[in-house]
Amino acid sequence: MFRSAEMGQWPVNIVIMAGGKGTRLKPLTDNTHKSLIPVGGKPIIRHLIDHLVRFGFRDIHISVGHLAEQLIGYLGDGKEERISIRYIRERTPMGSMGSMTLKNQWAEEHFLVINGDVYSNFDIAHFCTEYFSRQADLAVLAVPNTVKVPYGVLEMRSDGYISSFTEKPGYEFIVSAGVYMFNKKVLNLLPKGIPYEGWQLIQSALHAGLHVVGVPQTTGYWIDIGSMETLGKAQEMSQAGITRA
């Protein structure tokens, strides 16, 4: 069984992945850590930490690499906010998951790992509950994403005749939101000390025959702030008062 958020204790280690360079956000990230870019007057990572605290999480690990001292200087150890922030240092880029192997001892048997550029008010309690109640080895937060095709799409038969035509359609896919929860069986799949991505971990867990589930986000918002376009979308939502501070 898991402990409730009301008790302030879930049996999971919290890890925010914030080691990347944010190259798609240049020139904003030339001299500024990606997670310190403000949205609605508050850095992206502060939104994420505040959201975790609302659900009772007060012990947080952050994996840092590029411009690490800048982020550490801003957040510190968290004591002023009555939380604990500890850092995993990436000496070389480790991808979105590889730095998990840089720490040997963990307090809990389960892990909630969130990409540092996730801007969302997803229901963490629901995500945790689904993971534990479904006895999953790995759970992935799943969100819908529409891909727009900028051209007219033809359906063609083998004889060359066109059977249908759709002008600039949009196709909806379910995608990973960059939020994962897993146990030590999954952690042990990570190769030690080398870069590894979240998508690789999902594939490894599937290949190992482990219980992998998707947990749809049914309410709220989710934005992966990985480009100028998505950053602009987050800024617009904040200015319109759609998001919660």
Protein backbone atom coordinates (compact mmCIF):
# COMPACT_ATOMS: atom_id res chain seq x y z
CA MET A 1 0.00 0.00 0.00
CA PHE A 2 1.03 3.60 -0.49
CA ARG A 3 0.80 6.47 1.92
CA SER A 4 -1.53 9.32 1.09
CA ALA A 5 -0.52 12.81 0.03
CA GLU A 6 -2.47 14.17 3.00
CA MET A 7 0.10 12.47 5.22
CA GLY A 8 2.81 14.28 3.30
CA GLN A 9 4.57 10.99 2.60
CA TRP A 10 4.50 8.96 -0.58
CA PRO A 11 6.92 6.02 -0.83
CA VAL A 12 8.75 7.53 -3.81
CA ASN A 13 11.96 9.37 -4.51
CA ILE A 14 11.37 12.58 -6.47
CA VAL A 15 13.85 13.42 -9.23
CA ILE A 16 13.66 16.44 -11.56
CA MET A 17 15.86 16.15 -14.65
CA ALA A 18 17.41 19.58 -15.33
CA GLY A 19 20.80 18.81 -16.85
CA GLY A 20 20.15 19.72 -20.47
CA LYS A 21 21.42 22.73 -22.41
CA GLY A 22 18.08 23.82 -23.83
CA THR A 23 19.54 24.33 -27.30
CA ARG A 24 16.12 24.75 -28.91
CA LEU A 25 15.53 27.79 -26.72
CA LYS A 26 18.61 29.69 -27.86
CA PRO A 27 19.47 32.53 -27.49
CA LEU A 28 17.51 32.61 -24.22
CA THR A 29 19.61 29.74 -22.87
CA ASP A 30 23.00 31.06 -23.94
CA ASN A 31 23.61 32.42 -20.43
CA THR A 32 20.50 31.32 -18.54
CA HIS A 33 19.64 27.87 -17.29
CA LYS A 34 16.65 26.59 -19.23
CA SER A 35 14.57 25.85 -16.14
CA LEU A 36 15.11 29.42 -14.86
CA ILE A 37 13.33 30.99 -17.83
CA PRO A 38 10.28 32.73 -16.35
CA VAL A 39 6.67 31.92 -17.16
CA GLY A 40 4.17 34.25 -15.57
CA GLY A 41 6.94 35.91 -13.56
CA LYS A 42 8.21 32.66 -12.04
CA PRO A 43 10.93 30.26 -13.30
CA ILE A 44 9.71 27.06 -14.92
CA ILE A 45 11.31 24.87 -12.26
CA ARG A 46 9.71 26.88 -9.45
CA HIS A 47 6.28 26.12 -10.93
CA LEU A 48 7.17 22.43 -10.90
CA ILE A 49 8.55 22.39 -7.36
CA ASP A 50 5.56 24.32 -6.01
CA HIS A 51 3.24 21.82 -7.71
CA LEU A 52 5.08 18.90 -6.10
CA VAL A 53 4.86 20.55 -2.68
CA ARG A 54 1.09 20.93 -3.06
CA PHE A 55 0.88 17.15 -3.21
CA GLY A 56 3.01 16.59 -0.12
CA PHE A 57 6.43 16.11 -1.71
CA ARG A 58 9.07 17.99 0.23
CA ASP A 59 12.21 15.92 -0.43
CA ILE A 60 13.40 16.55 -3.99
CA HIS A 61 16.46 15.56 -6.00
CA ILE A 62 17.45 17.61 -9.05
CA SER A 63 19.88 16.34 -11.67
CA VAL A 64 22.05 19.21 -12.90
CA GLY A 65 24.74 19.60 -15.56
CA HIS A 66 24.88 22.62 -17.88
CA LEU A 67 24.95 25.90 -15.90
CA ALA A 68 24.51 23.85 -12.72
CA GLU A 69 25.85 26.50 -10.36
CA GLN A 70 23.32 29.03 -11.64
CA LEU A 71 20.41 26.74 -10.84
CA ILE A 72 21.86 25.68 -7.49
CA GLY A 73 22.48 29.33 -6.60
CA TYR A 74 18.84 30.14 -7.24
CA LEU A 75 17.23 27.16 -5.50
CA GLY A 76 19.75 26.43 -2.75
CA ASP A 77 18.92 23.58 -0.39
CA GLY A 78 15.25 24.52 -0.06
CA LYS A 79 15.35 25.11 3.68
CA GLU A 80 13.84 28.58 3.38
CA GLU A 81 10.76 26.95 1.82
CA ARG A 82 10.87 24.15 4.43
CA ILE A 83 11.74 21.54 1.83
CA SER A 84 14.89 19.56 1.08
CA ILE A 85 16.60 19.93 -2.31
CA ARG A 86 19.60 17.75 -3.13
CA TYR A 87 21.53 17.62 -6.38
CA ILE A 88 22.83 14.90 -8.65
CA ARG A 89 25.72 16.30 -10.66
CA GLU A 90 26.20 15.24 -14.27
CA ARG A 91 29.87 15.63 -15.19
CA THR A 92 28.95 14.81 -18.78
CA PRO A 93 25.50 14.94 -20.41
CA MET A 94 23.47 11.93 -19.26
CA GLY A 95 20.26 12.28 -21.23
CA SER A 96 16.85 12.45 -19.59
CA MET A 97 17.33 9.34 -17.46
CA GLY A 98 21.01 8.30 -17.28
CA SER A 99 21.90 10.32 -14.18
CA MET A 100 19.70 8.04 -12.06
CA THR A 101 22.67 5.66 -11.95
CA LEU A 102 24.97 8.31 -10.45
CA LYS A 103 23.37 7.92 -7.02
CA ASN A 104 23.79 4.58 -5.25
CA GLN A 105 21.50 4.85 -2.25
CA TRP A 106 17.82 5.80 -2.42
CA ALA A 107 15.46 6.12 0.54
CA GLU A 108 12.44 4.61 -1.21
CA GLU A 109 11.72 1.71 -3.57
CA HIS A 110 9.86 3.80 -6.14
CA PHE A 111 10.77 6.82 -8.26
CA LEU A 112 8.83 9.74 -9.70
CA VAL A 113 11.01 11.27 -12.41
CA ILE A 114 9.94 14.47 -14.18
CA ASN A 115 11.64 16.33 -17.00
CA GLY A 116 12.61 19.81 -15.83
CA ASP A 117 10.90 21.51 -18.77
CA VAL A 118 7.45 20.09 -17.97
CA TYR A 119 4.96 22.87 -17.28
CA SER A 120 1.81 21.19 -16.03
CA ASN A 121 -0.74 20.93 -13.25
CA PHE A 122 -1.28 17.20 -13.78
CA ASP A 123 -2.93 15.35 -10.91
CA ILE A 124 0.03 13.78 -9.13
CA ALA A 125 -2.21 11.96 -6.63
CA HIS A 126 -4.10 10.29 -9.48
CA PHE A 127 -0.85 9.36 -11.22
CA CYS A 128 0.56 7.79 -8.04
CA THR A 129 -2.70 6.00 -7.28
CA GLU A 130 -2.88 4.49 -10.78
CA TYR A 131 0.73 3.31 -10.58
CA PHE A 132 0.27 1.56 -7.25
CA SER A 133 -3.26 0.23 -7.75
CA ARG A 134 -2.35 -1.28 -11.12
CA GLN A 135 0.82 -2.78 -9.61
CA ALA A 136 2.87 -1.32 -12.45
CA ASP A 137 6.60 -1.57 -12.79
CA LEU A 138 6.62 1.59 -14.92
CA ALA A 139 3.90 4.20 -15.46
CA VAL A 140 4.09 6.98 -18.03
CA LEU A 141 1.93 10.08 -17.98
CA ALA A 142 0.17 10.14 -21.36
CA VAL A 143 -1.20 13.22 -23.11
CA PRO A 144 -2.85 13.72 -26.51
CA ASN A 145 -0.90 15.61 -29.13
CA THR A 146 -2.15 16.72 -32.54
CA VAL A 147 0.30 16.78 -35.41
CA LYS A 148 -0.70 19.11 -38.24
CA VAL A 149 0.30 18.17 -41.79
CA PRO A 150 1.01 21.39 -43.75
CA TYR A 151 0.04 19.80 -47.07
CA GLY A 152 -2.92 18.14 -48.69
CA VAL A 153 -2.81 14.39 -47.99
CA LEU A 154 -3.64 11.92 -50.75
CA GLU A 155 -4.94 8.40 -50.30
CA MET A 156 -3.79 6.45 -53.38
CA ARG A 157 -4.61 2.97 -54.57
CA SER A 158 -1.95 0.63 -55.89
CA ASP A 159 -3.06 1.42 -59.46
CA GLY A 160 -2.33 5.12 -58.95
CA TYR A 161 -5.92 6.33 -58.65
CA ILE A 162 -6.63 8.80 -55.85
CA SER A 163 -9.36 7.53 -53.55
CA SER A 164 -9.51 10.51 -51.18
CA PHE A 165 -7.94 13.90 -50.43
CA THR A 166 -7.71 15.79 -47.13
CA GLU A 167 -6.41 19.34 -46.97
CA LYS A 168 -3.87 19.91 -44.17
CA PRO A 169 -5.26 17.33 -41.74
CA GLY A 170 -4.38 16.92 -38.08
CA TYR A 171 -3.65 13.52 -36.60
CA GLU A 172 -3.91 12.91 -32.87
CA PHE A 173 -1.41 10.69 -31.07
CA ILE A 174 -0.94 9.78 -27.42
CA VAL A 175 2.55 10.85 -26.36
CA SER A 176 4.78 10.57 -23.32
CA ALA A 177 4.55 13.67 -21.12
CA GLY A 178 8.06 13.27 -19.70
CA VAL A 179 6.70 12.09 -16.34
CA TYR A 180 7.58 8.58 -15.17
CA MET A 181 7.06 6.45 -12.09
CA PHE A 182 8.88 3.15 -11.69
CA ASN A 183 10.35 0.68 -9.24
CA LYS A 184 13.87 -0.62 -8.69
CA LYS A 185 13.39 -3.43 -11.21
CA VAL A 186 13.15 -0.75 -13.87
CA LEU A 187 15.97 1.30 -12.34
CA ASN A 188 18.23 -1.74 -12.65
CA LEU A 189 17.67 -1.76 -16.41
CA LEU A 190 19.62 1.48 -16.74
CA PRO A 191 23.21 1.01 -17.93
CA LYS A 192 25.49 2.64 -15.39
CA GLY A 193 27.29 5.87 -16.12
CA ILE A 194 26.22 6.46 -19.72
CA PRO A 195 23.60 8.73 -21.32
CA TYR A 196 20.13 7.20 -21.46
CA GLU A 197 16.77 8.61 -22.46
CA GLY A 198 13.26 8.09 -21.15
CA TRP A 199 12.10 6.48 -24.39
CA GLN A 200 14.95 3.98 -24.14
CA LEU A 201 13.90 3.06 -20.61
CA ILE A 202 10.32 2.44 -21.77
CA GLN A 203 11.59 0.18 -24.55
CA SER A 204 13.91 -1.66 -22.14
CA ALA A 205 11.05 -2.28 -19.70
CA LEU A 206 8.80 -3.57 -22.50
CA HIS A 207 11.55 -5.85 -23.82
CA ALA A 208 12.09 -7.19 -20.29
CA GLY A 209 8.42 -8.13 -20.06
CA LEU A 210 7.71 -5.77 -17.19
CA HIS A 211 4.30 -4.27 -16.45
CA VAL A 212 4.27 -0.91 -18.27
CA VAL A 213 1.15 1.28 -18.17
CA GLY A 214 0.09 4.64 -19.52
CA VAL A 215 -1.87 7.00 -17.27
CA PRO A 216 -3.87 9.53 -19.32
CA GLN A 217 -3.97 13.11 -18.11
CA THR A 218 -7.68 13.80 -18.06
CA THR A 219 -7.71 17.28 -16.56
CA GLY A 220 -5.51 20.38 -16.49
CA TYR A 221 -2.78 21.51 -18.84
CA TRP A 222 0.57 20.18 -20.01
CA ILE A 223 3.27 21.91 -22.04
CA ASP A 224 6.76 20.66 -22.81
CA ILE A 225 8.73 23.90 -22.85
CA GLY A 226 11.35 22.73 -25.29
CA SER A 227 10.98 25.32 -28.03
CA MET A 228 10.24 29.00 -28.52
CA GLU A 229 6.79 28.05 -29.78
CA THR A 230 5.82 26.09 -26.67
CA LEU A 231 7.37 28.70 -24.38
CA GLY A 232 5.21 31.31 -26.09
CA LYS A 233 2.15 29.11 -25.58
CA ALA A 234 2.91 28.80 -21.87
CA GLN A 235 3.37 32.56 -21.58
CA GLU A 236 0.05 33.18 -23.32
CA MET A 237 -1.76 30.74 -21.03
CA SER A 238 -0.25 32.38 -17.96
CA GLN A 239 -1.17 35.88 -19.11
CA ALA A 240 -4.71 34.74 -19.83
CA GLY A 241 -4.99 33.35 -16.30
CA ILE A 242 -5.60 29.81 -17.54
CA THR A 243 -2.89 28.25 -15.39
CA ARG A 244 -2.60 28.16 -11.64
CA ALA A 245 0.40 30.05 -10.23
